[in-house]
Amino acid sequence: MVQDINDPEQVREALAKVQWANSTKGTAADAYNVYLRTIGKQWIKPHYIRQEKIYFIPTEQEIDALIASANYKLAALLQTLKETAARIGEAYAITWIDVDLEHKTVTINHPEKGSLPRILPISEKLKGMINALPRDTSKTFQWLSKKTHKPILQKGIKTLFEETRARAAKKLNNPRLLQIHFHTFRHWKATTDYYKNRDERIIRHVLGHKTATMTDRYIHIVETLYHDESGEWTCKVAHTEKEAIELIEQGFTYVNNLGDQTALYRKRK
């Protein structure tokens, strides 16, 4: 325990003993470095080698089971994370102005970690879930507490999620659900989208990455998870706008035009 926060050596010793991941220690050291500058002090900041981990990727059935276990408000938020790959902070910042139910899109206007803003499509299912939410505040996923009548903050939603997850894991006898966090939905969306399309540009847009560096790790995960599966496709042709919409809703993606009135779509078998 640190007795004097202004003593860099005490902080250094505490960081050496605490059971944190190196990435967390590095973040703490960076924050403390900023603090020291504000009080006119310096230190030799310890260096921590950040260890990259392979993300846990649940099945879609597990994600859907967790969403189904939540109340309708939390379920709408989780479905949004699933379809848009938004970070929880980005989703929590979504306002009703950012939601276009007519055109079935959600705009991420408050991207985090230097990501790009983006407009993302949502399903008819999610449209209905969002439309059922109360308009308590300007934020789509912020509601008033029934007890205090004050907005429930992101921290409170996290607690609700963890309680829901624990109940679902016990009820369904599936401890894997306990490994699902808000960010897991982003990992799942990125890997499944790349698996379906094999198009790096698509997932880079969905995730809001400015460069391919961060996107590459998802490509590596897909190539590892599905290395023994065939690359065969199911292909279909759309002759009308209605047929194209139906194929997209079935998970097909556009390939190219075959003529003035026809287009080729495909999805993996």
C-alpha atoms as a PDB file:
ATOM      1  CA  MET A   1       0.000   0.000   0.000  1.00  0.00           C
ATOM      2  CA  VAL A   2       1.238   3.472  -0.869  1.00  0.00           C
ATOM      3  CA  GLN A   3       1.601   5.674   2.207  1.00  0.00           C
ATOM      4  CA  ASP A   4       2.666   8.790   0.309  1.00  0.00           C
ATOM      5  CA  ILE A   5       1.339   9.169  -3.246  1.00  0.00           C
ATOM      6  CA  ASN A   6       3.928  11.908  -3.838  1.00  0.00           C
ATOM      7  CA  ASP A   7       6.806   9.462  -3.282  1.00  0.00           C
ATOM      8  CA  PRO A   8       7.664   7.851  -6.659  1.00  0.00           C
ATOM      9  CA  GLU A   9       9.650   5.044  -5.035  1.00  0.00           C
ATOM     10  CA  GLN A  10       6.649   3.929  -3.001  1.00  0.00           C
ATOM     11  CA  VAL A  11       4.509   3.934  -6.125  1.00  0.00           C
ATOM     12  CA  ARG A  12       7.161   1.997  -8.044  1.00  0.00           C
ATOM     13  CA  GLU A  13       7.323  -0.646  -5.297  1.00  0.00           C
ATOM     14  CA  ALA A  14       3.518  -0.904  -5.147  1.00  0.00           C
ATOM     15  CA  LEU A  15       3.284  -1.412  -8.919  1.00  0.00           C
ATOM     16  CA  ALA A  16       5.930  -4.136  -8.719  1.00  0.00           C
ATOM     17  CA  LYS A  17       3.926  -6.081  -6.104  1.00  0.00           C
ATOM     18  CA  VAL A  18       0.346  -5.607  -7.265  1.00  0.00           C
ATOM     19  CA  GLN A  19      -1.195  -8.506  -9.206  1.00  0.00           C
ATOM     20  CA  TRP A  20      -2.107  -6.577 -12.348  1.00  0.00           C
ATOM     21  CA  ALA A  21      -1.529  -7.292 -16.005  1.00  0.00           C
ATOM     22  CA  ASN A  22       1.454  -5.460 -17.473  1.00  0.00           C
ATOM     23  CA  SER A  23      -0.862  -3.430 -19.682  1.00  0.00           C
ATOM     24  CA  THR A  24      -2.719  -2.189 -16.577  1.00  0.00           C
ATOM     25  CA  LYS A  25       0.525  -1.397 -14.799  1.00  0.00           C
ATOM     26  CA  GLY A  26       1.694   0.532 -17.842  1.00  0.00           C
ATOM     27  CA  THR A  27      -1.502   2.570 -17.910  1.00  0.00           C
ATOM     28  CA  ALA A  28      -1.162   3.314 -14.181  1.00  0.00           C
ATOM     29  CA  ALA A  29       2.461   4.355 -14.652  1.00  0.00           C
ATOM     30  CA  ASP A  30       1.486   6.686 -17.502  1.00  0.00           C
ATOM     31  CA  ALA A  31      -1.221   8.283 -15.353  1.00  0.00           C
ATOM     32  CA  TYR A  32       1.158   8.699 -12.419  1.00  0.00           C
ATOM     33  CA  ASN A  33       3.721  10.279 -14.720  1.00  0.00           C
ATOM     34  CA  VAL A  34       1.173  12.943 -15.657  1.00  0.00           C
ATOM     35  CA  TYR A  35       0.368  13.489 -11.981  1.00  0.00           C
ATOM     36  CA  LEU A  36       4.039  13.989 -11.099  1.00  0.00           C
ATOM     37  CA  ARG A  37       4.378  16.661 -13.772  1.00  0.00           C
ATOM     38  CA  THR A  38       1.469  18.584 -12.264  1.00  0.00           C
ATOM     39  CA  ILE A  39       3.248  18.735  -8.882  1.00  0.00           C
ATOM     40  CA  GLY A  40       6.644  19.515 -10.382  1.00  0.00           C
ATOM     41  CA  LYS A  41       8.274  16.123  -9.840  1.00  0.00           C
ATOM     42  CA  GLN A  42       9.888  13.524 -12.085  1.00  0.00           C
ATOM     43  CA  TRP A  43      10.750   9.844 -11.906  1.00  0.00           C
ATOM     44  CA  ILE A  44      12.243   7.137 -14.050  1.00  0.00           C
ATOM     45  CA  LYS A  45       9.069   5.500 -15.251  1.00  0.00           C
ATOM     46  CA  PRO A  46       9.182   1.688 -15.111  1.00  0.00           C
ATOM     47  CA  HIS A  47       8.745  -0.088 -18.422  1.00  0.00           C
ATOM     48  CA  TYR A  48       6.280  -2.930 -18.732  1.00  0.00           C
ATOM     49  CA  ILE A  49       6.185  -5.321 -21.664  1.00  0.00           C
ATOM     50  CA  ARG A  50       2.558  -5.514 -22.694  1.00  0.00           C
ATOM     51  CA  GLN A  51       1.518  -9.059 -23.457  1.00  0.00           C
ATOM     52  CA  GLU A  52      -0.973  -9.471 -26.264  1.00  0.00           C
ATOM     53  CA  LYS A  53      -3.744 -12.000 -25.684  1.00  0.00           C
ATOM     54  CA  ILE A  54      -5.997 -13.833 -28.101  1.00  0.00           C
ATOM     55  CA  TYR A  55      -9.510 -12.537 -27.631  1.00  0.00           C
ATOM     56  CA  PHE A  56     -12.209 -14.870 -26.370  1.00  0.00           C
ATOM     57  CA  ILE A  57     -14.739 -15.301 -29.176  1.00  0.00           C
ATOM     58  CA  PRO A  58     -18.078 -16.791 -28.069  1.00  0.00           C
ATOM     59  CA  THR A  59     -20.513 -18.421 -30.442  1.00  0.00           C
ATOM     60  CA  GLU A  60     -23.424 -16.430 -31.773  1.00  0.00           C
ATOM     61  CA  GLN A  61     -25.754 -18.761 -29.869  1.00  0.00           C
ATOM     62  CA  GLU A  62     -24.024 -17.818 -26.611  1.00  0.00           C
ATOM     63  CA  ILE A  63     -24.283 -14.110 -27.373  1.00  0.00           C
ATOM     64  CA  ASP A  64     -27.959 -14.427 -28.285  1.00  0.00           C
ATOM     65  CA  ALA A  65     -28.649 -16.458 -25.126  1.00  0.00           C
ATOM     66  CA  LEU A  66     -27.096 -13.723 -23.004  1.00  0.00           C
ATOM     67  CA  ILE A  67     -29.097 -11.019 -24.761  1.00  0.00           C
ATOM     68  CA  ALA A  68     -32.289 -13.035 -24.295  1.00  0.00           C
ATOM     69  CA  SER A  69     -31.570 -13.250 -20.549  1.00  0.00           C
ATOM     70  CA  ALA A  70     -31.478  -9.453 -20.155  1.00  0.00           C
ATOM     71  CA  ASN A  71     -34.376  -7.082 -19.559  1.00  0.00           C
ATOM     72  CA  TYR A  72     -35.571  -5.241 -22.638  1.00  0.00           C
ATOM     73  CA  LYS A  73     -33.500  -2.121 -21.960  1.00  0.00           C
ATOM     74  CA  LEU A  74     -30.213  -3.922 -21.464  1.00  0.00           C
ATOM     75  CA  ALA A  75     -31.070  -6.332 -24.293  1.00  0.00           C
ATOM     76  CA  ALA A  76     -31.387  -3.397 -26.717  1.00  0.00           C
ATOM     77  CA  LEU A  77     -27.957  -2.125 -25.682  1.00  0.00           C
ATOM     78  CA  LEU A  78     -26.351  -5.563 -26.044  1.00  0.00           C
ATOM     79  CA  GLN A  79     -27.977  -6.111 -29.438  1.00  0.00           C
ATOM     80  CA  THR A  80     -26.552  -2.742 -30.500  1.00  0.00           C
ATOM     81  CA  LEU A  81     -23.081  -3.824 -29.399  1.00  0.00           C
ATOM     82  CA  LYS A  82     -23.524  -7.056 -31.342  1.00  0.00           C
ATOM     83  CA  GLU A  83     -24.614  -5.396 -34.594  1.00  0.00           C
ATOM     84  CA  THR A  84     -22.394  -2.296 -34.564  1.00  0.00           C
ATOM     85  CA  ALA A  85     -19.236  -3.446 -32.730  1.00  0.00           C
ATOM     86  CA  ALA A  86     -19.340  -0.165 -30.818  1.00  0.00           C
ATOM     87  CA  ARG A  87     -17.359   0.178 -27.620  1.00  0.00           C
ATOM     88  CA  ILE A  88     -19.565   0.489 -24.557  1.00  0.00           C
ATOM     89  CA  GLY A  89     -18.602   4.146 -24.118  1.00  0.00           C
ATOM     90  CA  GLU A  90     -19.457   4.859 -27.747  1.00  0.00           C
ATOM     91  CA  ALA A  91     -22.816   3.099 -27.403  1.00  0.00           C
ATOM     92  CA  TYR A  92     -23.632   4.861 -24.147  1.00  0.00           C
ATOM     93  CA  ALA A  93     -22.970   8.215 -25.847  1.00  0.00           C
ATOM     94  CA  ILE A  94     -25.489   7.510 -28.650  1.00  0.00           C
ATOM     95  CA  THR A  95     -28.302  10.060 -28.570  1.00  0.00           C
ATOM     96  CA  TRP A  96     -31.743   9.851 -30.081  1.00  0.00           C
ATOM     97  CA  ILE A  97     -30.528  12.242 -32.783  1.00  0.00           C
ATOM     98  CA  ASP A  98     -27.925   9.620 -33.760  1.00  0.00           C
ATOM     99  CA  VAL A  99     -30.607   6.966 -34.311  1.00  0.00           C
ATOM    100  CA  ASP A 100     -32.410   6.906 -37.660  1.00  0.00           C
ATOM    101  CA  LEU A 101     -35.126   4.298 -37.322  1.00  0.00           C
ATOM    102  CA  GLU A 102     -36.589   5.088 -40.741  1.00  0.00           C
ATOM    103  CA  HIS A 103     -33.364   4.206 -42.542  1.00  0.00           C
ATOM    104  CA  LYS A 104     -32.284   1.717 -39.846  1.00  0.00           C
ATOM    105  CA  THR A 105     -28.913   3.261 -39.015  1.00  0.00           C
ATOM    106  CA  VAL A 106     -27.029   4.302 -35.903  1.00  0.00           C
ATOM    107  CA  THR A 107     -24.295   6.933 -35.983  1.00  0.00           C
ATOM    108  CA  ILE A 108     -21.274   6.687 -33.703  1.00  0.00           C
ATOM    109  CA  ASN A 109     -20.624  10.391 -33.205  1.00  0.00           C
ATOM    110  CA  HIS A 110     -18.433  10.047 -30.114  1.00  0.00           C
ATOM    111  CA  PRO A 111     -15.726   7.537 -31.096  1.00  0.00           C
ATOM    112  CA  GLU A 112     -13.134   6.501 -28.542  1.00  0.00           C
ATOM    113  CA  LYS A 113      -9.399   5.736 -28.679  1.00  0.00           C
ATOM    114  CA  GLY A 114      -8.848   7.843 -31.770  1.00  0.00           C
ATOM    115  CA  SER A 115     -11.325   5.909 -33.887  1.00  0.00           C
ATOM    116  CA  LEU A 116     -13.345   7.414 -36.715  1.00  0.00           C
ATOM    117  CA  PRO A 117     -17.033   8.356 -36.474  1.00  0.00           C
ATOM    118  CA  ARG A 118     -19.222   6.054 -38.524  1.00  0.00           C
ATOM    119  CA  ILE A 119     -22.774   5.311 -39.649  1.00  0.00           C
ATOM    120  CA  LEU A 120     -23.755   1.674 -39.245  1.00  0.00           C
ATOM    121  CA  PRO A 121     -26.823  -0.288 -40.362  1.00  0.00           C
ATOM    122  CA  ILE A 122     -29.057  -2.081 -37.872  1.00  0.00           C
ATOM    123  CA  SER A 123     -31.541  -4.897 -38.297  1.00  0.00           C
ATOM    124  CA  GLU A 124     -35.317  -4.714 -38.208  1.00  0.00           C
ATOM    125  CA  LYS A 125     -35.099  -6.592 -34.904  1.00  0.00           C
ATOM    126  CA  LEU A 126     -32.862  -3.967 -33.308  1.00  0.00           C
ATOM    127  CA  LYS A 127     -35.012  -1.189 -34.731  1.00  0.00           C
ATOM    128  CA  GLY A 128     -37.978  -2.576 -32.815  1.00  0.00           C
ATOM    129  CA  MET A 129     -35.944  -3.011 -29.633  1.00  0.00           C
ATOM    130  CA  ILE A 130     -34.693   0.588 -29.728  1.00  0.00           C
ATOM    131  CA  ASN A 131     -38.145   1.930 -30.589  1.00  0.00           C
ATOM    132  CA  ALA A 132     -39.491   0.302 -27.406  1.00  0.00           C
ATOM    133  CA  LEU A 133     -37.017   2.142 -25.155  1.00  0.00           C
ATOM    134  CA  PRO A 134     -38.188   5.010 -22.944  1.00  0.00           C
ATOM    135  CA  ARG A 135     -37.185   8.518 -24.001  1.00  0.00           C
ATOM    136  CA  ASP A 136     -36.098   9.422 -20.474  1.00  0.00           C
ATOM    137  CA  THR A 137     -33.014  11.381 -21.493  1.00  0.00           C
ATOM    138  CA  SER A 138     -31.321  12.603 -24.655  1.00  0.00           C
ATOM    139  CA  LYS A 139     -29.173   9.449 -24.641  1.00  0.00           C
ATOM    140  CA  THR A 140     -30.723   6.354 -26.170  1.00  0.00           C
ATOM    141  CA  PHE A 141     -29.234   3.941 -23.632  1.00  0.00           C
ATOM    142  CA  GLN A 142     -29.509   6.079 -20.521  1.00  0.00           C
ATOM    143  CA  TRP A 143     -32.623   5.650 -18.404  1.00  0.00           C
ATOM    144  CA  LEU A 144     -34.006   7.094 -15.195  1.00  0.00           C
ATOM    145  CA  SER A 145     -33.805   5.026 -12.042  1.00  0.00           C
ATOM    146  CA  LYS A 146     -37.224   4.051 -10.707  1.00  0.00           C
ATOM    147  CA  LYS A 147     -35.978   4.707  -7.162  1.00  0.00           C
ATOM    148  CA  THR A 148     -34.064   7.969  -7.511  1.00  0.00           C
ATOM    149  CA  HIS A 149     -35.505   9.252 -10.820  1.00  0.00           C
ATOM    150  CA  LYS A 150     -31.929  10.119 -11.772  1.00  0.00           C
ATOM    151  CA  PRO A 151     -30.113   8.885 -14.892  1.00  0.00           C
ATOM    152  CA  ILE A 152     -28.505   5.461 -14.543  1.00  0.00           C
ATOM    153  CA  LEU A 153     -24.841   5.978 -15.375  1.00  0.00           C
ATOM    154  CA  GLN A 154     -22.638   3.675 -17.415  1.00  0.00           C
ATOM    155  CA  LYS A 155     -21.235   2.189 -14.199  1.00  0.00           C
ATOM    156  CA  GLY A 156     -24.724   1.155 -13.122  1.00  0.00           C
ATOM    157  CA  ILE A 157     -25.403  -0.478 -16.486  1.00  0.00           C
ATOM    158  CA  LYS A 158     -22.171  -2.454 -16.119  1.00  0.00           C
ATOM    159  CA  THR A 159     -23.343  -3.765 -12.737  1.00  0.00           C
ATOM    160  CA  LEU A 160     -26.699  -4.753 -14.240  1.00  0.00           C
ATOM    161  CA  PHE A 161     -24.893  -6.551 -17.074  1.00  0.00           C
ATOM    162  CA  GLU A 162     -22.655  -8.493 -14.700  1.00  0.00           C
ATOM    163  CA  GLU A 163     -25.644  -9.593 -12.604  1.00  0.00           C
ATOM    164  CA  THR A 164     -27.525 -10.672 -15.734  1.00  0.00           C
ATOM    165  CA  ARG A 165     -24.505 -12.550 -17.044  1.00  0.00           C
ATOM    166  CA  ALA A 166     -24.043 -14.429 -13.772  1.00  0.00           C
ATOM    167  CA  ARG A 167     -27.703 -15.513 -13.705  1.00  0.00           C
ATOM    168  CA  ALA A 168     -27.601 -16.615 -17.348  1.00  0.00           C
ATOM    169  CA  ALA A 169     -24.388 -18.619 -16.865  1.00  0.00           C
ATOM    170  CA  LYS A 170     -25.920 -20.439 -13.900  1.00  0.00           C
ATOM    171  CA  LYS A 171     -29.333 -21.003 -15.486  1.00  0.00           C
ATOM    172  CA  LEU A 172     -27.886 -22.264 -18.773  1.00  0.00           C
ATOM    173  CA  ASN A 173     -25.045 -24.120 -17.056  1.00  0.00           C
ATOM    174  CA  ASN A 174     -22.558 -22.431 -19.346  1.00  0.00           C
ATOM    175  CA  PRO A 175     -19.589 -20.834 -17.526  1.00  0.00           C
ATOM    176  CA  ARG A 176     -18.268 -19.548 -20.869  1.00  0.00           C
ATOM    177  CA  LEU A 177     -20.837 -16.764 -20.621  1.00  0.00           C
ATOM    178  CA  LEU A 178     -18.856 -15.324 -17.710  1.00  0.00           C
ATOM    179  CA  GLN A 179     -16.029 -14.546 -20.132  1.00  0.00           C
ATOM    180  CA  ILE A 180     -18.268 -12.253 -22.176  1.00  0.00           C
ATOM    181  CA  HIS A 181     -17.683  -8.574 -21.499  1.00  0.00           C
ATOM    182  CA  PHE A 182     -19.006  -5.500 -23.275  1.00  0.00           C
ATOM    183  CA  HIS A 183     -15.915  -5.462 -25.502  1.00  0.00           C
ATOM    184  CA  THR A 184     -16.409  -9.129 -26.418  1.00  0.00           C
ATOM    185  CA  PHE A 185     -19.304  -8.112 -28.676  1.00  0.00           C
ATOM    186  CA  ARG A 186     -16.868  -5.932 -30.643  1.00  0.00           C
ATOM    187  CA  HIS A 187     -14.397  -8.802 -31.004  1.00  0.00           C
ATOM    188  CA  TRP A 188     -17.164 -11.166 -32.099  1.00  0.00           C
ATOM    189  CA  LYS A 189     -18.516  -8.752 -34.726  1.00  0.00           C
ATOM    190  CA  ALA A 190     -15.075  -8.070 -36.178  1.00  0.00           C
ATOM    191  CA  THR A 191     -14.108 -11.719 -36.513  1.00  0.00           C
ATOM    192  CA  THR A 192     -17.444 -12.925 -37.874  1.00  0.00           C
ATOM    193  CA  ASP A 193     -17.661 -10.084 -40.413  1.00  0.00           C
ATOM    194  CA  TYR A 194     -14.189 -10.835 -41.704  1.00  0.00           C
ATOM    195  CA  TYR A 195     -14.941 -14.550 -41.837  1.00  0.00           C
ATOM    196  CA  LYS A 196     -18.029 -13.878 -43.959  1.00  0.00           C
ATOM    197  CA  ASN A 197     -16.522 -11.317 -46.311  1.00  0.00           C
ATOM    198  CA  ARG A 198     -12.729 -11.660 -46.172  1.00  0.00           C
ATOM    199  CA  ASP A 199     -12.673  -7.912 -46.761  1.00  0.00           C
ATOM    200  CA  GLU A 200     -10.425  -5.970 -44.399  1.00  0.00           C
ATOM    201  CA  ARG A 201     -11.961  -2.662 -45.468  1.00  0.00           C
ATOM    202  CA  ILE A 202     -15.386  -3.669 -44.188  1.00  0.00           C
ATOM    203  CA  ILE A 203     -14.305  -4.485 -40.661  1.00  0.00           C
ATOM    204  CA  ARG A 204     -11.987  -1.479 -40.539  1.00  0.00           C
ATOM    205  CA  HIS A 205     -14.983   0.744 -41.272  1.00  0.00           C
ATOM    206  CA  VAL A 206     -17.208  -1.033 -38.747  1.00  0.00           C
ATOM    207  CA  LEU A 207     -14.565  -0.747 -36.017  1.00  0.00           C
ATOM    208  CA  GLY A 208     -13.574   2.797 -36.970  1.00  0.00           C
ATOM    209  CA  HIS A 209      -9.880   1.956 -37.236  1.00  0.00           C
ATOM    210  CA  LYS A 210      -7.748   4.545 -39.017  1.00  0.00           C
ATOM    211  CA  THR A 211      -5.048   2.040 -39.961  1.00  0.00           C
ATOM    212  CA  ALA A 212      -4.814  -1.684 -40.620  1.00  0.00           C
ATOM    213  CA  THR A 213      -2.565  -2.332 -37.612  1.00  0.00           C
ATOM    214  CA  MET A 214      -5.381  -2.960 -35.139  1.00  0.00           C
ATOM    215  CA  THR A 215      -7.528  -4.717 -37.736  1.00  0.00           C
ATOM    216  CA  ASP A 216      -4.797  -7.241 -38.499  1.00  0.00           C
ATOM    217  CA  ARG A 217      -5.212  -8.989 -35.156  1.00  0.00           C
ATOM    218  CA  TYR A 218      -8.794  -9.912 -36.023  1.00  0.00           C
ATOM    219  CA  ILE A 219      -7.666 -11.339 -39.350  1.00  0.00           C
ATOM    220  CA  HIS A 220      -5.133 -13.475 -37.496  1.00  0.00           C
ATOM    221  CA  ILE A 221      -7.830 -14.760 -35.124  1.00  0.00           C
ATOM    222  CA  VAL A 222     -10.113 -15.720 -38.025  1.00  0.00           C
ATOM    223  CA  GLU A 223      -7.322 -17.519 -39.858  1.00  0.00           C
ATOM    224  CA  THR A 224      -6.522 -19.443 -36.666  1.00  0.00           C
ATOM    225  CA  LEU A 225     -10.098 -20.315 -35.700  1.00  0.00           C
ATOM    226  CA  TYR A 226     -11.263 -21.325 -39.168  1.00  0.00           C
ATOM    227  CA  HIS A 227      -8.075 -22.633 -40.741  1.00  0.00           C
ATOM    228  CA  ASP A 228      -9.580 -26.064 -41.375  1.00  0.00           C
ATOM    229  CA  GLU A 229     -12.847 -24.879 -42.893  1.00  0.00           C
ATOM    230  CA  SER A 230     -13.428 -24.638 -46.611  1.00  0.00           C
ATOM    231  CA  GLY A 231     -13.677 -21.352 -48.419  1.00  0.00           C
ATOM    232  CA  GLU A 232     -16.784 -22.408 -50.319  1.00  0.00           C
ATOM    233  CA  TRP A 233     -19.536 -19.885 -50.945  1.00  0.00           C
ATOM    234  CA  THR A 234     -23.227 -19.933 -51.588  1.00  0.00           C
ATOM    235  CA  CYS A 235     -23.969 -17.477 -54.387  1.00  0.00           C
ATOM    236  CA  LYS A 236     -27.297 -15.982 -55.424  1.00  0.00           C
ATOM    237  CA  VAL A 237     -28.441 -13.404 -57.941  1.00  0.00           C
ATOM    238  CA  ALA A 238     -30.827 -10.541 -57.182  1.00  0.00           C
ATOM    239  CA  HIS A 239     -32.936  -9.177 -60.037  1.00  0.00           C
ATOM    240  CA  THR A 240     -34.860  -6.560 -58.054  1.00  0.00           C
ATOM    241  CA  GLU A 241     -34.288  -4.266 -55.108  1.00  0.00           C
ATOM    242  CA  LYS A 242     -36.633  -6.411 -53.011  1.00  0.00           C
ATOM    243  CA  GLU A 243     -34.626  -9.562 -53.757  1.00  0.00           C
ATOM    244  CA  ALA A 244     -31.384  -7.749 -52.890  1.00  0.00           C
ATOM    245  CA  ILE A 245     -32.794  -6.637 -49.531  1.00  0.00           C
ATOM    246  CA  GLU A 246     -33.961 -10.173 -48.759  1.00  0.00           C
ATOM    247  CA  LEU A 247     -30.519 -11.597 -49.523  1.00  0.00           C
ATOM    248  CA  ILE A 248     -28.792  -9.011 -47.344  1.00  0.00           C
ATOM    249  CA  GLU A 249     -31.151  -9.810 -44.467  1.00  0.00           C
ATOM    250  CA  GLN A 250     -30.207 -13.488 -44.912  1.00  0.00           C
ATOM    251  CA  GLY A 251     -26.531 -12.653 -44.463  1.00  0.00           C
ATOM    252  CA  PHE A 252     -25.470 -12.391 -48.116  1.00  0.00           C
ATOM    253  CA  THR A 253     -23.059  -9.658 -49.157  1.00  0.00           C
ATOM    254  CA  TYR A 254     -22.824  -7.799 -52.463  1.00  0.00           C
ATOM    255  CA  VAL A 255     -20.094  -8.904 -54.886  1.00  0.00           C
ATOM    256  CA  ASN A 256     -20.689  -7.071 -58.170  1.00  0.00           C
ATOM    257  CA  ASN A 257     -23.203  -6.333 -60.914  1.00  0.00           C
ATOM    258  CA  LEU A 258     -23.877  -8.930 -63.613  1.00  0.00           C
ATOM    259  CA  GLY A 259     -25.865  -6.532 -65.737  1.00  0.00           C
ATOM    260  CA  ASP A 260     -28.050  -3.469 -65.570  1.00  0.00           C
ATOM    261  CA  GLN A 261     -30.733  -5.186 -63.467  1.00  0.00           C
ATOM    262  CA  THR A 262     -28.891  -8.053 -61.752  1.00  0.00           C
ATOM    263  CA  ALA A 263     -26.329  -8.292 -58.953  1.00  0.00           C
ATOM    264  CA  LEU A 264     -24.353 -11.155 -57.445  1.00  0.00           C
ATOM    265  CA  TYR A 265     -24.404 -11.834 -53.695  1.00  0.00           C
ATOM    266  CA  ARG A 266     -22.626 -14.455 -51.633  1.00  0.00           C
ATOM    267  CA  LYS A 267     -22.134 -15.841 -48.110  1.00  0.00           C
ATOM    268  CA  ARG A 268     -20.007 -18.607 -46.697  1.00  0.00           C
ATOM    269  CA  LYS A 269     -21.496 -22.060 -46.338  1.00  0.00           C
END
